[in-house]
Amino acid sequence: MNFILTIIIGFILITYLYNLLVNKRKRETFIQAGKKWDGIVNELSRRK
């Protein structure tokens, strides 16, 4: 019984950490894209 409980808790923990890492990577990608667009907008504003 304890072995099964340990496996279930381990599986939940691994799933949680995986989702955390994926969300962190997505967030970093969105931040980088936002910085890129800010640069484009600034360049276009200067050209006006």
N, C-alpha and C. Protein backbone atom coordinates (compact mmCIF):
# COMPACT_ATOMS: atom_id res chain seq x y z
N MET A 1 0.82 -1.19 0.00
CA MET A 1 0.00 0.00 0.00
C MET A 1 0.87 1.26 0.00
N ASN A 2 1.88 1.27 0.84
CA ASN A 2 2.78 2.43 0.89
C ASN A 2 3.54 2.60 -0.42
N PHE A 3 3.89 1.50 -1.06
CA PHE A 3 4.61 1.57 -2.33
C PHE A 3 3.74 2.23 -3.40
N ILE A 4 2.48 1.84 -3.47
CA ILE A 4 1.55 2.42 -4.46
C ILE A 4 1.35 3.89 -4.19
N LEU A 5 1.21 4.27 -2.92
CA LEU A 5 1.04 5.67 -2.55
C LEU A 5 2.27 6.48 -2.94
N THR A 6 3.45 5.91 -2.74
CA THR A 6 4.69 6.59 -3.11
C THR A 6 4.78 6.78 -4.62
N ILE A 7 4.38 5.78 -5.37
CA ILE A 7 4.40 5.89 -6.83
C ILE A 7 3.42 6.97 -7.29
N ILE A 8 2.25 7.02 -6.72
CA ILE A 8 1.25 8.02 -7.11
C ILE A 8 1.74 9.43 -6.78
N ILE A 9 2.30 9.61 -5.59
CA ILE A 9 2.82 10.93 -5.21
C ILE A 9 3.99 11.32 -6.11
N GLY A 10 4.86 10.38 -6.44
CA GLY A 10 5.97 10.65 -7.35
C GLY A 10 5.49 11.04 -8.74
N PHE A 11 4.49 10.34 -9.23
CA PHE A 11 3.94 10.66 -10.55
C PHE A 11 3.33 12.06 -10.57
N ILE A 12 2.59 12.40 -9.52
CA ILE A 12 1.98 13.73 -9.43
C ILE A 12 3.07 14.80 -9.36
N LEU A 13 4.12 14.55 -8.60
CA LEU A 13 5.21 15.50 -8.48
C LEU A 13 5.94 15.70 -9.81
N ILE A 14 6.20 14.62 -10.50
CA ILE A 14 6.87 14.72 -11.81
C ILE A 14 5.99 15.48 -12.80
N THR A 15 4.69 15.21 -12.81
CA THR A 15 3.77 15.92 -13.70
C THR A 15 3.75 17.41 -13.38
N TYR A 16 3.71 17.74 -12.09
CA TYR A 16 3.69 19.14 -11.67
C TYR A 16 4.96 19.86 -12.12
N LEU A 17 6.11 19.24 -11.90
CA LEU A 17 7.38 19.86 -12.29
C LEU A 17 7.48 20.02 -13.80
N TYR A 18 7.00 19.04 -14.55
CA TYR A 18 7.02 19.14 -16.01
C TYR A 18 6.17 20.32 -16.48
N ASN A 19 4.96 20.44 -15.93
CA ASN A 19 4.09 21.56 -16.31
C ASN A 19 4.70 22.89 -15.92
N LEU A 20 5.34 22.94 -14.77
CA LEU A 20 5.99 24.16 -14.32
C LEU A 20 7.08 24.59 -15.30
N LEU A 21 7.90 23.63 -15.74
CA LEU A 21 8.97 23.95 -16.67
C LEU A 21 8.44 24.37 -18.04
N VAL A 22 7.38 23.72 -18.51
CA VAL A 22 6.80 24.08 -19.80
C VAL A 22 6.22 25.48 -19.74
N ASN A 23 5.50 25.80 -18.67
CA ASN A 23 4.92 27.13 -18.53
C ASN A 23 6.00 28.20 -18.42
N LYS A 24 7.09 27.89 -17.75
CA LYS A 24 8.19 28.85 -17.64
C LYS A 24 8.79 29.12 -19.01
N ARG A 25 8.97 28.07 -19.79
CA ARG A 25 9.54 28.24 -21.14
C ARG A 25 8.61 29.06 -22.03
N LYS A 26 7.30 28.81 -21.94
CA LYS A 26 6.33 29.58 -22.73
C LYS A 26 6.36 31.05 -22.33
N ARG A 27 6.42 31.30 -21.02
CA ARG A 27 6.43 32.67 -20.52
C ARG A 27 7.67 33.40 -21.03
N GLU A 28 8.83 32.75 -20.99
CA GLU A 28 10.07 33.36 -21.49
C GLU A 28 9.98 33.65 -22.98
N THR A 29 9.35 32.75 -23.73
CA THR A 29 9.19 32.96 -25.16
C THR A 29 8.31 34.17 -25.44
N PHE A 30 7.21 34.29 -24.69
CA PHE A 30 6.32 35.44 -24.87
C PHE A 30 7.00 36.75 -24.50
N ILE A 31 7.82 36.73 -23.46
CA ILE A 31 8.54 37.94 -23.05
C ILE A 31 9.54 38.35 -24.13
N GLN A 32 10.25 37.37 -24.70
CA GLN A 32 11.20 37.68 -25.76
C GLN A 32 10.48 38.23 -26.99
N ALA A 33 9.34 37.66 -27.33
CA ALA A 33 8.58 38.14 -28.48
C ALA A 33 8.08 39.56 -28.21
N GLY A 34 7.66 39.84 -27.00
CA GLY A 34 7.21 41.18 -26.64
C GLY A 34 8.32 42.20 -26.77
N LYS A 35 9.54 41.84 -26.34
CA LYS A 35 10.67 42.75 -26.47
C LYS A 35 10.99 43.01 -27.94
N LYS A 36 10.86 41.97 -28.75
CA LYS A 36 11.13 42.13 -30.18
C LYS A 36 10.12 43.09 -30.79
N TRP A 37 8.84 42.92 -30.45
CA TRP A 37 7.80 43.81 -30.99
C TRP A 37 7.97 45.23 -30.48
N ASP A 38 8.40 45.39 -29.24
CA ASP A 38 8.66 46.74 -28.71
C ASP A 38 9.73 47.43 -29.54
N GLY A 39 10.76 46.67 -29.91
CA GLY A 39 11.82 47.24 -30.74
C GLY A 39 11.30 47.64 -32.12
N ILE A 40 10.45 46.80 -32.70
CA ILE A 40 9.88 47.11 -34.02
C ILE A 40 9.01 48.35 -33.94
N VAL A 41 8.17 48.43 -32.89
CA VAL A 41 7.28 49.58 -32.73
C VAL A 41 8.09 50.86 -32.53
N ASN A 42 9.14 50.79 -31.74
CA ASN A 42 9.99 51.97 -31.53
C ASN A 42 10.64 52.42 -32.83
N GLU A 43 11.11 51.46 -33.61
CA GLU A 43 11.74 51.80 -34.90
C GLU A 43 10.74 52.46 -35.83
N LEU A 44 9.54 51.93 -35.91
CA LEU A 44 8.52 52.50 -36.79
C LEU A 44 8.08 53.88 -36.28
N SER A 45 8.04 54.07 -34.98
CA SER A 45 7.68 55.38 -34.43
C SER A 45 8.74 56.41 -34.77
N ARG A 46 10.01 56.02 -34.75
CA ARG A 46 11.08 56.96 -35.09
C ARG A 46 11.02 57.34 -36.56
N ARG A 47 10.59 56.45 -37.42
CA ARG A 47 10.56 56.72 -38.86
C ARG A 47 9.42 57.66 -39.24
N LYS A 48 8.42 57.77 -38.38
CA LYS A 48 7.26 58.60 -38.70
C LYS A 48 7.59 60.05 -38.77
